[in-house]
Amino acid sequence: MAETAKSRAGIIHFAATGAATAALLYALCWAGAALGWNAASHLYLSLFTTEPSSSWAALFQGFCLSIGFGAVGGALVAMFANLFGFLAPR
C-alpha cells in the first residue's frame, strides 16, 4: 500500500493568489465606478483610497494597496490551512 505524503499549503503561493485576486477585484470595482455604477462598488474602493472613486489616482493607489492586503490575506489563509491540516479527512 502506497503511503501518501501529507501536503501543506504553500504560503507564497497563497499570498500571490490572494494578491492577484484582490487587485483584480479592485480593478473591476473601479471600472464599475468609472462607468457610473458607484453604488455597487464605492464601499470596497473606499477601503483602499480616499480619492474620488472613479479617478486614476484611486485606481493606482487602491490597486497597489489591495495587492498588499491580498498577499497578507492569502498568507494567513495558508498558515491557518497548515495549522488545521490535522482536521482534513484522510
PDB file of N, CA and C in Angstrom:
ATOM      1  N   MET A   1       0.839  -1.178   0.000  1.00  0.00           N
ATOM      2  CA  MET A   1       0.000   0.000   0.000  1.00  0.00           C
ATOM      3  C   MET A   1       0.887   1.245   0.000  1.00  0.00           C
ATOM      4  N   ALA A   2       0.617   2.144  -0.879  1.00  0.00           N
ATOM      5  CA  ALA A   2       1.450   3.342  -1.019  1.00  0.00           C
ATOM      6  C   ALA A   2       1.098   4.362   0.064  1.00  0.00           C
ATOM      7  N   GLU A   3       2.140   4.924   0.614  1.00  0.00           N
ATOM      8  CA  GLU A   3       1.938   5.989   1.599  1.00  0.00           C
ATOM      9  C   GLU A   3       1.699   7.309   0.875  1.00  0.00           C
ATOM     10  N   THR A   4       0.754   8.073   1.341  1.00  0.00           N
ATOM     11  CA  THR A   4       0.525   9.403   0.766  1.00  0.00           C
ATOM     12  C   THR A   4       1.158  10.433   1.681  1.00  0.00           C
ATOM     13  N   ALA A   5       1.926  11.306   1.084  1.00  0.00           N
ATOM     14  CA  ALA A   5       2.586  12.360   1.856  1.00  0.00           C
ATOM     15  C   ALA A   5       1.572  13.421   2.245  1.00  0.00           C
ATOM     16  N   LYS A   6       1.702  13.905   3.450  1.00  0.00           N
ATOM     17  CA  LYS A   6       0.816  14.973   3.919  1.00  0.00           C
ATOM     18  C   LYS A   6       1.256  16.270   3.245  1.00  0.00           C
ATOM     19  N   SER A   7       0.363  16.878   2.477  1.00  0.00           N
ATOM     20  CA  SER A   7       0.734  18.105   1.774  1.00  0.00           C
ATOM     21  C   SER A   7       0.386  19.319   2.618  1.00  0.00           C
ATOM     22  N   ARG A   8       1.174  20.343   2.422  1.00  0.00           N
ATOM     23  CA  ARG A   8       0.973  21.595   3.141  1.00  0.00           C
ATOM     24  C   ARG A   8       0.739  22.694   2.122  1.00  0.00           C
ATOM     25  N   ALA A   9      -0.090  23.631   2.488  1.00  0.00           N
ATOM     26  CA  ALA A   9      -0.373  24.764   1.607  1.00  0.00           C
ATOM     27  C   ALA A   9       0.855  25.664   1.531  1.00  0.00           C
ATOM     28  N   GLY A  10       1.211  26.086   0.327  1.00  0.00           N
ATOM     29  CA  GLY A  10       2.357  26.966   0.137  1.00  0.00           C
ATOM     30  C   GLY A  10       1.983  28.409   0.461  1.00  0.00           C
ATOM     31  N   ILE A  11       2.651  28.994   1.426  1.00  0.00           N
ATOM     32  CA  ILE A  11       2.317  30.344   1.881  1.00  0.00           C
ATOM     33  C   ILE A  11       2.555  31.365   0.778  1.00  0.00           C
ATOM     34  N   ILE A  12       3.663  31.252   0.058  1.00  0.00           N
ATOM     35  CA  ILE A  12       3.948  32.199  -1.034  1.00  0.00           C
ATOM     36  C   ILE A  12       2.919  32.041  -2.152  1.00  0.00           C
ATOM     37  N   HIS A  13       2.556  30.804  -2.453  1.00  0.00           N
ATOM     38  CA  HIS A  13       1.554  30.537  -3.483  1.00  0.00           C
ATOM     39  C   HIS A  13       0.214  31.182  -3.119  1.00  0.00           C
ATOM     40  N   PHE A  14      -0.221  30.997  -1.899  1.00  0.00           N
ATOM     41  CA  PHE A  14      -1.486  31.578  -1.464  1.00  0.00           C
ATOM     42  C   PHE A  14      -1.398  33.094  -1.391  1.00  0.00           C
ATOM     43  N   ALA A  15      -0.254  33.641  -0.987  1.00  0.00           N
ATOM     44  CA  ALA A  15      -0.093  35.096  -0.928  1.00  0.00           C
ATOM     45  C   ALA A  15      -0.188  35.702  -2.325  1.00  0.00           C
ATOM     46  N   ALA A  16       0.456  35.081  -3.303  1.00  0.00           N
ATOM     47  CA  ALA A  16       0.389  35.580  -4.681  1.00  0.00           C
ATOM     48  C   ALA A  16      -1.022  35.463  -5.240  1.00  0.00           C
ATOM     49  N   THR A  17      -1.697  34.367  -4.934  1.00  0.00           N
ATOM     50  CA  THR A  17      -3.075  34.184  -5.386  1.00  0.00           C
ATOM     51  C   THR A  17      -4.001  35.218  -4.766  1.00  0.00           C
ATOM     52  N   GLY A  18      -3.847  35.456  -3.483  1.00  0.00           N
ATOM     53  CA  GLY A  18      -4.668  36.465  -2.808  1.00  0.00           C
ATOM     54  C   GLY A  18      -4.398  37.858  -3.340  1.00  0.00           C
ATOM     55  N   ALA A  19      -3.137  38.171  -3.610  1.00  0.00           N
ATOM     56  CA  ALA A  19      -2.783  39.497  -4.134  1.00  0.00           C
ATOM     57  C   ALA A  19      -3.387  39.715  -5.514  1.00  0.00           C
ATOM     58  N   ALA A  20      -3.279  38.718  -6.383  1.00  0.00           N
ATOM     59  CA  ALA A  20      -3.829  38.850  -7.734  1.00  0.00           C
ATOM     60  C   ALA A  20      -5.346  38.965  -7.705  1.00  0.00           C
ATOM     61  N   THR A  21      -5.992  38.181  -6.856  1.00  0.00           N
ATOM     62  CA  THR A  21      -7.454  38.217  -6.756  1.00  0.00           C
ATOM     63  C   THR A  21      -7.942  39.556  -6.231  1.00  0.00           C
ATOM     64  N   ALA A  22      -7.316  40.060  -5.173  1.00  0.00           N
ATOM     65  CA  ALA A  22      -7.733  41.343  -4.600  1.00  0.00           C
ATOM     66  C   ALA A  22      -7.496  42.487  -5.577  1.00  0.00           C
ATOM     67  N   ALA A  23      -6.384  42.447  -6.294  1.00  0.00           N
ATOM     68  CA  ALA A  23      -6.099  43.508  -7.263  1.00  0.00           C
ATOM     69  C   ALA A  23      -7.105  43.488  -8.410  1.00  0.00           C
ATOM     70  N   LEU A  24      -7.438  42.304  -8.907  1.00  0.00           N
ATOM     71  CA  LEU A  24      -8.425  42.212  -9.982  1.00  0.00           C
ATOM     72  C   LEU A  24      -9.803  42.650  -9.505  1.00  0.00           C
ATOM     73  N   LEU A  25     -10.181  42.258  -8.307  1.00  0.00           N
ATOM     74  CA  LEU A  25     -11.468  42.686  -7.759  1.00  0.00           C
ATOM     75  C   LEU A  25     -11.521  44.199  -7.611  1.00  0.00           C
ATOM     76  N   TYR A  26     -10.417  44.794  -7.157  1.00  0.00           N
ATOM     77  CA  TYR A  26     -10.375  46.245  -7.030  1.00  0.00           C
ATOM     78  C   TYR A  26     -10.516  46.909  -8.399  1.00  0.00           C
ATOM     79  N   ALA A  27      -9.799  46.400  -9.397  1.00  0.00           N
ATOM     80  CA  ALA A  27      -9.874  46.983 -10.738  1.00  0.00           C
ATOM     81  C   ALA A  27     -11.280  46.864 -11.318  1.00  0.00           C
ATOM     82  N   LEU A  28     -11.955  45.747 -11.080  1.00  0.00           N
ATOM     83  CA  LEU A  28     -13.328  45.595 -11.558  1.00  0.00           C
ATOM     84  C   LEU A  28     -14.276  46.568 -10.863  1.00  0.00           C
ATOM     85  N   CYS A  29     -14.103  46.743  -9.565  1.00  0.00           N
ATOM     86  CA  CYS A  29     -14.941  47.704  -8.836  1.00  0.00           C
ATOM     87  C   CYS A  29     -14.666  49.129  -9.313  1.00  0.00           C
ATOM     88  N   TRP A  30     -13.390  49.442  -9.569  1.00  0.00           N
ATOM     89  CA  TRP A  30     -13.060  50.775 -10.071  1.00  0.00           C
ATOM     90  C   TRP A  30     -13.705  50.998 -11.433  1.00  0.00           C
ATOM     91  N   ALA A  31     -13.676  49.992 -12.305  1.00  0.00           N
ATOM     92  CA  ALA A  31     -14.305  50.118 -13.619  1.00  0.00           C
ATOM     93  C   ALA A  31     -15.805  50.344 -13.471  1.00  0.00           C
ATOM     94  N   GLY A  32     -16.423  49.656 -12.528  1.00  0.00           N
ATOM     95  CA  GLY A  32     -17.845  49.874 -12.274  1.00  0.00           C
ATOM     96  C   GLY A  32     -18.126  51.291 -11.821  1.00  0.00           C
ATOM     97  N   ALA A  33     -17.276  51.821 -10.966  1.00  0.00           N
ATOM     98  CA  ALA A  33     -17.450  53.202 -10.514  1.00  0.00           C
ATOM     99  C   ALA A  33     -17.217  54.182 -11.655  1.00  0.00           C
ATOM    100  N   ALA A  34     -16.230  53.896 -12.513  1.00  0.00           N
ATOM    101  CA  ALA A  34     -15.947  54.777 -13.648  1.00  0.00           C
ATOM    102  C   ALA A  34     -17.098  54.786 -14.650  1.00  0.00           C
ATOM    103  N   LEU A  35     -17.834  53.672 -14.723  1.00  0.00           N
ATOM    104  CA  LEU A  35     -18.978  53.592 -15.628  1.00  0.00           C
ATOM    105  C   LEU A  35     -20.266  54.140 -15.008  1.00  0.00           C
ATOM    106  N   GLY A  36     -20.186  54.561 -13.762  1.00  0.00           N
ATOM    107  CA  GLY A  36     -21.341  55.173 -13.113  1.00  0.00           C
ATOM    108  C   GLY A  36     -22.118  54.239 -12.202  1.00  0.00           C
ATOM    109  N   TRP A  37     -21.628  53.031 -11.996  1.00  0.00           N
ATOM    110  CA  TRP A  37     -22.277  52.095 -11.077  1.00  0.00           C
ATOM    111  C   TRP A  37     -21.681  52.239  -9.689  1.00  0.00           C
ATOM    112  N   ASN A  38     -21.644  53.447  -9.211  1.00  0.00           N
ATOM    113  CA  ASN A  38     -20.962  53.786  -7.969  1.00  0.00           C
ATOM    114  C   ASN A  38     -21.553  53.078  -6.762  1.00  0.00           C
ATOM    115  N   ALA A  39     -22.855  52.891  -6.732  1.00  0.00           N
ATOM    116  CA  ALA A  39     -23.485  52.293  -5.560  1.00  0.00           C
ATOM    117  C   ALA A  39     -23.000  50.865  -5.317  1.00  0.00           C
ATOM    118  N   ALA A  40     -22.668  50.168  -6.389  1.00  0.00           N
ATOM    119  CA  ALA A  40     -22.272  48.772  -6.249  1.00  0.00           C
ATOM    120  C   ALA A  40     -20.833  48.598  -5.788  1.00  0.00           C
ATOM    121  N   SER A  41     -19.985  49.586  -5.956  1.00  0.00           N
ATOM    122  CA  SER A  41     -18.567  49.357  -5.700  1.00  0.00           C
ATOM    123  C   SER A  41     -17.889  50.390  -4.813  1.00  0.00           C
ATOM    124  N   HIS A  42     -18.531  51.476  -4.478  1.00  0.00           N
ATOM    125  CA  HIS A  42     -17.804  52.543  -3.778  1.00  0.00           C
ATOM    126  C   HIS A  42     -17.348  52.151  -2.384  1.00  0.00           C
ATOM    127  N   LEU A  43     -18.036  51.262  -1.703  1.00  0.00           N
ATOM    128  CA  LEU A  43     -17.603  50.876  -0.360  1.00  0.00           C
ATOM    129  C   LEU A  43     -16.317  50.051  -0.399  1.00  0.00           C
ATOM    130  N   TYR A  44     -16.208  49.161  -1.359  1.00  0.00           N
ATOM    131  CA  TYR A  44     -14.971  48.387  -1.489  1.00  0.00           C
ATOM    132  C   TYR A  44     -13.813  49.297  -1.872  1.00  0.00           C
ATOM    133  N   LEU A  45     -14.052  50.226  -2.775  1.00  0.00           N
ATOM    134  CA  LEU A  45     -12.994  51.153  -3.183  1.00  0.00           C
ATOM    135  C   LEU A  45     -12.535  52.009  -2.014  1.00  0.00           C
ATOM    136  N   SER A  46     -13.464  52.399  -1.151  1.00  0.00           N
ATOM    137  CA  SER A  46     -13.105  53.265  -0.027  1.00  0.00           C
ATOM    138  C   SER A  46     -12.261  52.542   1.025  1.00  0.00           C
ATOM    139  N   LEU A  47     -12.161  51.228   0.953  1.00  0.00           N
ATOM    140  CA  LEU A  47     -11.270  50.511   1.863  1.00  0.00           C
ATOM    141  C   LEU A  47      -9.802  50.839   1.594  1.00  0.00           C
ATOM    142  N   PHE A  48      -9.482  51.191   0.347  1.00  0.00           N
ATOM    143  CA  PHE A  48      -8.092  51.337  -0.054  1.00  0.00           C
ATOM    144  C   PHE A  48      -7.696  52.743  -0.470  1.00  0.00           C
ATOM    145  N   THR A  49      -8.622  53.665  -0.610  1.00  0.00           N
ATOM    146  CA  THR A  49      -8.259  55.010  -1.040  1.00  0.00           C
ATOM    147  C   THR A  49      -9.290  56.023  -0.566  1.00  0.00           C
ATOM    148  N   THR A  50      -8.840  57.263  -0.448  1.00  0.00           N
ATOM    149  CA  THR A  50      -9.755  58.358  -0.123  1.00  0.00           C
ATOM    150  C   THR A  50      -9.971  59.260  -1.337  1.00  0.00           C
ATOM    151  N   GLU A  51      -9.358  58.891  -2.458  1.00  0.00           N
ATOM    152  CA  GLU A  51      -9.528  59.648  -3.703  1.00  0.00           C
ATOM    153  C   GLU A  51     -10.948  59.451  -4.240  1.00  0.00           C
ATOM    154  N   PRO A  52     -11.425  60.340  -5.109  1.00  0.00           N
ATOM    155  CA  PRO A  52     -12.723  60.097  -5.761  1.00  0.00           C
ATOM    156  C   PRO A  52     -12.688  58.744  -6.475  1.00  0.00           C
ATOM    157  N   SER A  53     -13.740  57.963  -6.314  1.00  0.00           N
ATOM    158  CA  SER A  53     -13.698  56.559  -6.701  1.00  0.00           C
ATOM    159  C   SER A  53     -13.438  56.303  -8.176  1.00  0.00           C
ATOM    160  N   SER A  54     -13.749  57.214  -9.074  1.00  0.00           N
ATOM    161  CA  SER A  54     -13.516  56.938 -10.491  1.00  0.00           C
ATOM    162  C   SER A  54     -12.253  57.611 -11.032  1.00  0.00           C
ATOM    163  N   SER A  55     -11.402  58.138 -10.149  1.00  0.00           N
ATOM    164  CA  SER A  55     -10.190  58.821 -10.609  1.00  0.00           C
ATOM    165  C   SER A  55      -9.064  57.821 -10.859  1.00  0.00           C
ATOM    166  N   TRP A  56      -8.102  58.239 -11.678  1.00  0.00           N
ATOM    167  CA  TRP A  56      -6.937  57.396 -11.958  1.00  0.00           C
ATOM    168  C   TRP A  56      -6.078  57.230 -10.706  1.00  0.00           C
ATOM    169  N   ALA A  57      -6.052  58.256  -9.865  1.00  0.00           N
ATOM    170  CA  ALA A  57      -5.290  58.166  -8.617  1.00  0.00           C
ATOM    171  C   ALA A  57      -5.877  57.083  -7.709  1.00  0.00           C
ATOM    172  N   ALA A  58      -7.202  56.980  -7.687  1.00  0.00           N
ATOM    173  CA  ALA A  58      -7.849  55.945  -6.882  1.00  0.00           C
ATOM    174  C   ALA A  58      -7.506  54.560  -7.419  1.00  0.00           C
ATOM    175  N   LEU A  59      -7.460  54.424  -8.737  1.00  0.00           N
ATOM    176  CA  LEU A  59      -7.107  53.136  -9.325  1.00  0.00           C
ATOM    177  C   LEU A  59      -5.689  52.745  -8.941  1.00  0.00           C
ATOM    178  N   PHE A  60      -4.745  53.653  -9.088  1.00  0.00           N
ATOM    179  CA  PHE A  60      -3.348  53.344  -8.788  1.00  0.00           C
ATOM    180  C   PHE A  60      -3.138  53.042  -7.310  1.00  0.00           C
ATOM    181  N   GLN A  61      -3.613  53.936  -6.448  1.00  0.00           N
ATOM    182  CA  GLN A  61      -3.415  53.764  -5.008  1.00  0.00           C
ATOM    183  C   GLN A  61      -4.123  52.512  -4.505  1.00  0.00           C
ATOM    184  N   GLY A  62      -5.363  52.345  -4.879  1.00  0.00           N
ATOM    185  CA  GLY A  62      -6.126  51.196  -4.408  1.00  0.00           C
ATOM    186  C   GLY A  62      -5.606  49.883  -4.946  1.00  0.00           C
ATOM    187  N   PHE A  63      -5.161  49.869  -6.197  1.00  0.00           N
ATOM    188  CA  PHE A  63      -4.607  48.657  -6.801  1.00  0.00           C
ATOM    189  C   PHE A  63      -3.373  48.213  -6.035  1.00  0.00           C
ATOM    190  N   CYS A  64      -2.484  49.151  -5.754  1.00  0.00           N
ATOM    191  CA  CYS A  64      -1.253  48.818  -5.019  1.00  0.00           C
ATOM    192  C   CYS A  64      -1.554  48.338  -3.601  1.00  0.00           C
ATOM    193  N   LEU A  65      -2.442  49.027  -2.916  1.00  0.00           N
ATOM    194  CA  LEU A  65      -2.763  48.632  -1.548  1.00  0.00           C
ATOM    195  C   LEU A  65      -3.531  47.318  -1.494  1.00  0.00           C
ATOM    196  N   SER A  66      -4.381  47.056  -2.479  1.00  0.00           N
ATOM    197  CA  SER A  66      -5.110  45.797  -2.468  1.00  0.00           C
ATOM    198  C   SER A  66      -4.187  44.614  -2.760  1.00  0.00           C
ATOM    199  N   ILE A  67      -3.100  44.833  -3.486  1.00  0.00           N
ATOM    200  CA  ILE A  67      -2.115  43.767  -3.679  1.00  0.00           C
ATOM    201  C   ILE A  67      -1.517  43.373  -2.329  1.00  0.00           C
ATOM    202  N   GLY A  68      -1.143  44.358  -1.535  1.00  0.00           N
ATOM    203  CA  GLY A  68      -0.598  44.065  -0.201  1.00  0.00           C
ATOM    204  C   GLY A  68      -1.608  43.398   0.708  1.00  0.00           C
ATOM    205  N   PHE A  69      -2.833  43.888   0.704  1.00  0.00           N
ATOM    206  CA  PHE A  69      -3.890  43.318   1.524  1.00  0.00           C
ATOM    207  C   PHE A  69      -4.170  41.876   1.094  1.00  0.00           C
ATOM    208  N   GLY A  70      -4.237  41.641  -0.204  1.00  0.00           N
ATOM    209  CA  GLY A  70      -4.483  40.292  -0.701  1.00  0.00           C
ATOM    210  C   GLY A  70      -3.359  39.337  -0.365  1.00  0.00           C
ATOM    211  N   ALA A  71      -2.120  39.823  -0.429  1.00  0.00           N
ATOM    212  CA  ALA A  71      -0.976  38.977  -0.089  1.00  0.00           C
ATOM    213  C   ALA A  71      -1.010  38.575   1.383  1.00  0.00           C
ATOM    214  N   VAL A  72      -1.297  39.514   2.246  1.00  0.00           N
ATOM    215  CA  VAL A  72      -1.390  39.203   3.675  1.00  0.00           C
ATOM    216  C   VAL A  72      -2.551  38.243   3.929  1.00  0.00           C
ATOM    217  N   GLY A  73      -3.692  38.505   3.300  1.00  0.00           N
ATOM    218  CA  GLY A  73      -4.845  37.621   3.467  1.00  0.00           C
ATOM    219  C   GLY A  73      -4.571  36.215   2.970  1.00  0.00           C
ATOM    220  N   GLY A  74      -3.937  36.096   1.807  1.00  0.00           N
ATOM    221  CA  GLY A  74      -3.600  34.780   1.270  1.00  0.00           C
ATOM    222  C   GLY A  74      -2.613  34.030   2.140  1.00  0.00           C
ATOM    223  N   ALA A  75      -1.620  34.732   2.656  1.00  0.00           N
ATOM    224  CA  ALA A  75      -0.643  34.097   3.538  1.00  0.00           C
ATOM    225  C   ALA A  75      -1.307  33.610   4.823  1.00  0.00           C
ATOM    226  N   LEU A  76      -2.235  34.406   5.354  1.00  0.00           N
ATOM    227  CA  LEU A  76      -2.949  33.977   6.561  1.00  0.00           C
ATOM    228  C   LEU A  76      -3.806  32.743   6.299  1.00  0.00           C
ATOM    229  N   VAL A  77      -4.457  32.700   5.144  1.00  0.00           N
ATOM    230  CA  VAL A  77      -5.248  31.514   4.793  1.00  0.00           C
ATOM    231  C   VAL A  77      -4.356  30.283   4.739  1.00  0.00           C
ATOM    232  N   ALA A  78      -3.188  30.389   4.105  1.00  0.00           N
ATOM    233  CA  ALA A  78      -2.266  29.250   4.016  1.00  0.00           C
ATOM    234  C   ALA A  78      -1.769  28.824   5.389  1.00  0.00           C
ATOM    235  N   MET A  79      -1.424  29.783   6.239  1.00  0.00           N
ATOM    236  CA  MET A  79      -0.936  29.437   7.571  1.00  0.00           C
ATOM    237  C   MET A  79      -2.009  28.716   8.381  1.00  0.00           C
ATOM    238  N   PHE A  80      -3.249  29.196   8.311  1.00  0.00           N
ATOM    239  CA  PHE A  80      -4.313  28.534   9.050  1.00  0.00           C
ATOM    240  C   PHE A  80      -4.673  27.187   8.426  1.00  0.00           C
ATOM    241  N   ALA A  81      -4.574  27.066   7.105  1.00  0.00           N
ATOM    242  CA  ALA A  81      -4.811  25.772   6.467  1.00  0.00           C
ATOM    243  C   ALA A  81      -3.779  24.755   6.939  1.00  0.00           C
ATOM    244  N   ASN A  82      -2.541  25.187   7.065  1.00  0.00           N
ATOM    245  CA  ASN A  82      -1.495  24.295   7.564  1.00  0.00           C
ATOM    246  C   ASN A  82      -1.698  23.984   9.047  1.00  0.00           C
ATOM    247  N   LEU A  83      -2.111  24.970   9.814  1.00  0.00           N
ATOM    248  CA  LEU A  83      -2.329  24.779  11.248  1.00  0.00           C
ATOM    249  C   LEU A  83      -3.437  23.781  11.521  1.00  0.00           C
ATOM    250  N   PHE A  84      -4.507  23.871  10.740  1.00  0.00           N
ATOM    251  CA  PHE A  84      -5.654  22.991  10.951  1.00  0.00           C
ATOM    252  C   PHE A  84      -5.680  21.812   9.984  1.00  0.00           C
ATOM    253  N   GLY A  85      -4.548  21.508   9.372  1.00  0.00           N
ATOM    254  CA  GLY A  85      -4.457  20.399   8.433  1.00  0.00           C
ATOM    255  C   GLY A  85      -4.814  19.054   9.050  1.00  0.00           C
ATOM    256  N   PHE A  86      -4.631  18.917  10.352  1.00  0.00           N
ATOM    257  CA  PHE A  86      -4.942  17.660  11.011  1.00  0.00           C
ATOM    258  C   PHE A  86      -6.433  17.344  10.997  1.00  0.00           C
ATOM    259  N   LEU A  87      -7.265  18.346  10.694  1.00  0.00           N
ATOM    260  CA  LEU A  87      -8.708  18.131  10.643  1.00  0.00           C
ATOM    261  C   LEU A  87      -9.183  17.588   9.303  1.00  0.00           C
ATOM    262  N   ALA A  88      -8.316  17.586   8.293  1.00  0.00           N
ATOM    263  CA  ALA A  88      -8.686  17.124   6.960  1.00  0.00           C
ATOM    264  C   ALA A  88      -8.925  15.621   6.974  1.00  0.00           C
ATOM    265  N   PRO A  89      -9.880  15.155   6.172  1.00  0.00           N
ATOM    266  CA  PRO A  89     -10.118  13.702   6.114  1.00  0.00           C
ATOM    267  C   PRO A  89      -8.920  12.988   5.482  1.00  0.00           C
ATOM    268  N   ARG A  90      -8.707  11.780   5.899  1.00  0.00           N
ATOM    269  CA  ARG A  90      -7.550  11.006   5.393  1.00  0.00           C
ATOM    270  C   ARG A  90      -7.982   9.939   4.444  1.00  0.00           C
TER     271      ARG A  90
END
